[in-house]
C-alpha cells in the first residue's frame, strides 16, 4: 500500500525496538513499513508522533541535520545512557535525554520534538532531574529538543 502524504515522509527505520505506533488522524501505515515508522516533521505538515522505547536513539531514525521528529515516550520509563547537556550525542536515549532536559518524567513519559544537528567536538556531562549524562569527545551527529 502506498501512502501519498504531502509534507510528510514515512520511512522504515530498522531499529531493534518494539514496533512504533503513529498517532494522528492520518491513514494507518502498511505493514511494509514496520518495525518502526518515523514521522518527519516538515513545513505545514500535520504533527504525527512515533512511540519510542526508552532505549531508542536518534541515530536509529536519521543522520540528516535539520530533520525534526515528534516522539512519544511511554510511561514507566527506565533511564538509559545519554551524552551531553542541552545538545545530546546521537547515541543518547531520546526519552532519557528529555527527562534530563526537564521536558518529561520517567513516571509519566510524554511527547517531545527533536531536531537532528551536526556533531560536536565535545559534549559536556551534567546531572539534572535525577539523570546524569556523560561527557564525551567527538560524535558525527547530535540532537536538541525544540518547542
Protein backbone atom coordinates (compact mmCIF):
# COMPACT_ATOMS: atom_id res chain seq x y z
CA UNK A 1 0.00 0.00 0.00
CA UNK A 2 1.47 3.35 -1.00
CA UNK A 3 0.64 6.45 1.05
CA UNK A 4 0.52 9.82 -0.68
CA UNK A 5 1.09 12.29 2.15
CA UNK A 6 2.37 15.72 1.10
CA UNK A 7 4.79 17.28 3.59
CA UNK A 8 5.14 14.01 5.50
CA UNK A 9 7.78 11.38 4.95
CA UNK A 10 7.26 7.87 6.29
CA UNK A 11 10.31 5.63 6.29
CA UNK A 12 11.30 2.29 7.72
CA UNK A 13 13.97 2.69 10.35
CA UNK A 14 15.46 -0.74 11.08
CA UNK A 15 15.69 -0.22 14.84
CA UNK A 16 15.63 -3.02 17.35
CA UNK A 17 12.82 -1.56 19.42
CA UNK A 18 9.21 -2.67 19.52
CA UNK A 19 7.04 -1.52 16.61
CA UNK A 20 6.20 2.14 16.79
CA UNK A 21 2.71 3.48 16.57
CA UNK A 22 1.80 6.58 14.62
CA UNK A 23 -0.81 8.69 16.34
CA UNK A 24 -2.89 11.08 14.24
CA UNK A 25 -5.98 11.11 12.09
CA UNK A 26 -3.86 10.04 9.07
CA UNK A 27 -4.37 6.61 7.49
CA UNK A 28 -2.55 3.74 9.18
CA UNK A 29 0.75 2.74 7.56
CA UNK A 30 1.00 -0.56 5.81
CA UNK A 31 2.81 -3.47 7.49
CA UNK A 32 5.62 -2.98 4.96
CA UNK A 33 6.95 -0.01 6.97
CA UNK A 34 7.41 -1.84 10.27
CA UNK A 35 9.30 -2.39 12.62
CA UNK A 36 9.25 1.37 13.12
CA UNK A 37 7.54 4.22 11.36
CA UNK A 38 9.19 7.60 11.52
CA UNK A 39 7.18 10.80 11.30
CA UNK A 40 9.37 13.52 9.87
CA UNK A 41 8.00 16.96 10.60
CA UNK A 42 8.06 19.14 7.50
CA UNK A 43 6.65 22.62 6.91
CA UNK A 44 2.86 22.73 7.05
CA UNK A 45 2.70 19.06 7.99
CA UNK A 46 0.18 17.79 10.48
CA UNK A 47 2.08 16.73 13.57
CA UNK A 48 2.41 12.99 13.98
CA UNK A 49 4.32 11.16 16.67
CA UNK A 50 6.26 7.94 16.96
CA UNK A 51 6.09 5.94 20.19
CA UNK A 52 9.62 5.00 21.29
CA UNK A 53 11.11 2.62 23.77
CA UNK A 54 13.35 4.12 26.43
CA UNK A 55 16.34 2.60 24.62
CA UNK A 56 15.59 4.35 21.28
CA UNK A 57 18.29 6.65 19.95
CA UNK A 58 18.09 9.37 17.26
CA UNK A 59 20.77 7.58 15.23
CA UNK A 60 18.17 4.85 14.58
CA UNK A 61 16.00 7.37 12.73
CA UNK A 62 18.16 9.88 10.89
CA UNK A 63 21.64 11.28 10.47
CA UNK A 64 20.42 14.20 8.38
CA UNK A 65 20.97 17.55 10.16
CA UNK A 66 17.86 19.70 10.22
CA UNK A 67 15.35 16.82 10.31
CA UNK A 68 12.74 17.12 13.06
CA UNK A 69 10.83 14.30 14.69
CA UNK A 70 7.99 14.14 17.22
CA UNK A 71 8.32 11.25 19.66
CA UNK A 72 6.07 9.84 22.37
CA UNK A 73 7.97 8.37 25.31
CA UNK A 74 5.89 5.79 27.21
CA UNK A 75 5.01 5.89 30.91
CA UNK A 76 7.05 3.99 33.50
CA UNK A 77 10.38 4.55 31.77
CA UNK A 78 13.77 3.16 32.65
CA UNK A 79 16.67 5.59 32.25
CA UNK A 80 19.16 4.84 29.50
CA UNK A 81 22.58 6.27 28.76
CA UNK A 82 22.97 9.81 27.49
CA UNK A 83 25.84 12.08 26.50
CA UNK A 84 25.83 15.87 26.65
CA UNK A 85 23.78 18.68 28.13
CA UNK A 86 21.18 20.60 26.09
CA UNK A 87 22.81 19.20 22.94
CA UNK A 88 22.91 15.42 23.18
CA UNK A 89 25.06 12.88 21.32
CA UNK A 90 23.46 10.76 18.61
CA UNK A 91 23.79 7.56 20.65
CA UNK A 92 21.86 9.00 23.61
CA UNK A 93 18.48 7.63 24.67
CA UNK A 94 15.99 10.23 23.34
CA UNK A 95 13.49 9.72 26.18
CA UNK A 96 16.16 9.79 28.90
CA UNK A 97 17.61 12.99 27.42
CA UNK A 98 14.11 14.51 27.55
CA UNK A 99 13.93 13.76 31.29
CA UNK A 100 17.42 15.26 31.75
CA UNK A 101 16.22 18.39 29.89
CA UNK A 102 13.17 18.66 32.18
CA UNK A 103 10.60 18.09 29.44
CA UNK A 104 9.09 14.80 30.69
CA UNK A 105 9.40 12.40 33.62
CA UNK A 106 10.28 8.71 33.85
CA UNK A 107 6.94 8.06 35.53
CA UNK A 108 4.68 9.86 33.07
CA UNK A 109 6.64 9.94 29.80
CA UNK A 110 5.37 12.46 27.27
CA UNK A 111 5.71 13.96 23.79
CA UNK A 112 8.88 15.73 22.65
CA UNK A 113 10.12 17.27 19.41
CA UNK A 114 13.72 16.63 18.41
CA UNK A 115 15.90 18.26 15.76
CA UNK A 116 18.95 16.45 14.40
CA UNK A 117 22.06 18.64 14.39
CA UNK A 118 25.64 18.27 13.19
CA UNK A 119 28.06 16.68 15.62
CA UNK A 120 30.28 18.49 18.08
CA UNK A 121 33.88 18.23 19.14
CA UNK A 122 32.92 17.85 22.81
CA UNK A 123 29.82 17.06 24.84
CA UNK A 124 29.72 18.13 28.49
CA UNK A 125 28.01 15.89 31.01
CA UNK A 126 25.86 17.06 33.93
CA UNK A 127 23.24 15.90 36.42
CA UNK A 128 19.70 17.25 36.00
CA UNK A 129 16.31 15.97 37.09
CA UNK A 130 17.82 12.83 38.58
CA UNK A 131 19.62 11.87 35.34
CA UNK A 132 23.40 12.01 34.90
CA UNK A 133 24.76 12.49 31.39
CA UNK A 134 28.31 11.63 30.38
CA UNK A 135 30.94 13.86 28.81
CA UNK A 136 32.32 12.66 25.52
CA UNK A 137 34.59 13.82 22.73
CA UNK A 138 33.52 13.85 19.10
CA UNK A 139 30.30 12.46 17.58
CA UNK A 140 29.15 12.79 14.00
CA UNK A 141 25.63 13.97 14.87
CA UNK A 142 23.70 15.36 17.79
CA UNK A 143 20.17 16.42 18.65
CA UNK A 144 18.35 19.12 20.58
CA UNK A 145 14.78 19.47 21.78
CA UNK A 146 12.70 22.15 20.11
CA UNK A 147 9.40 23.62 21.18
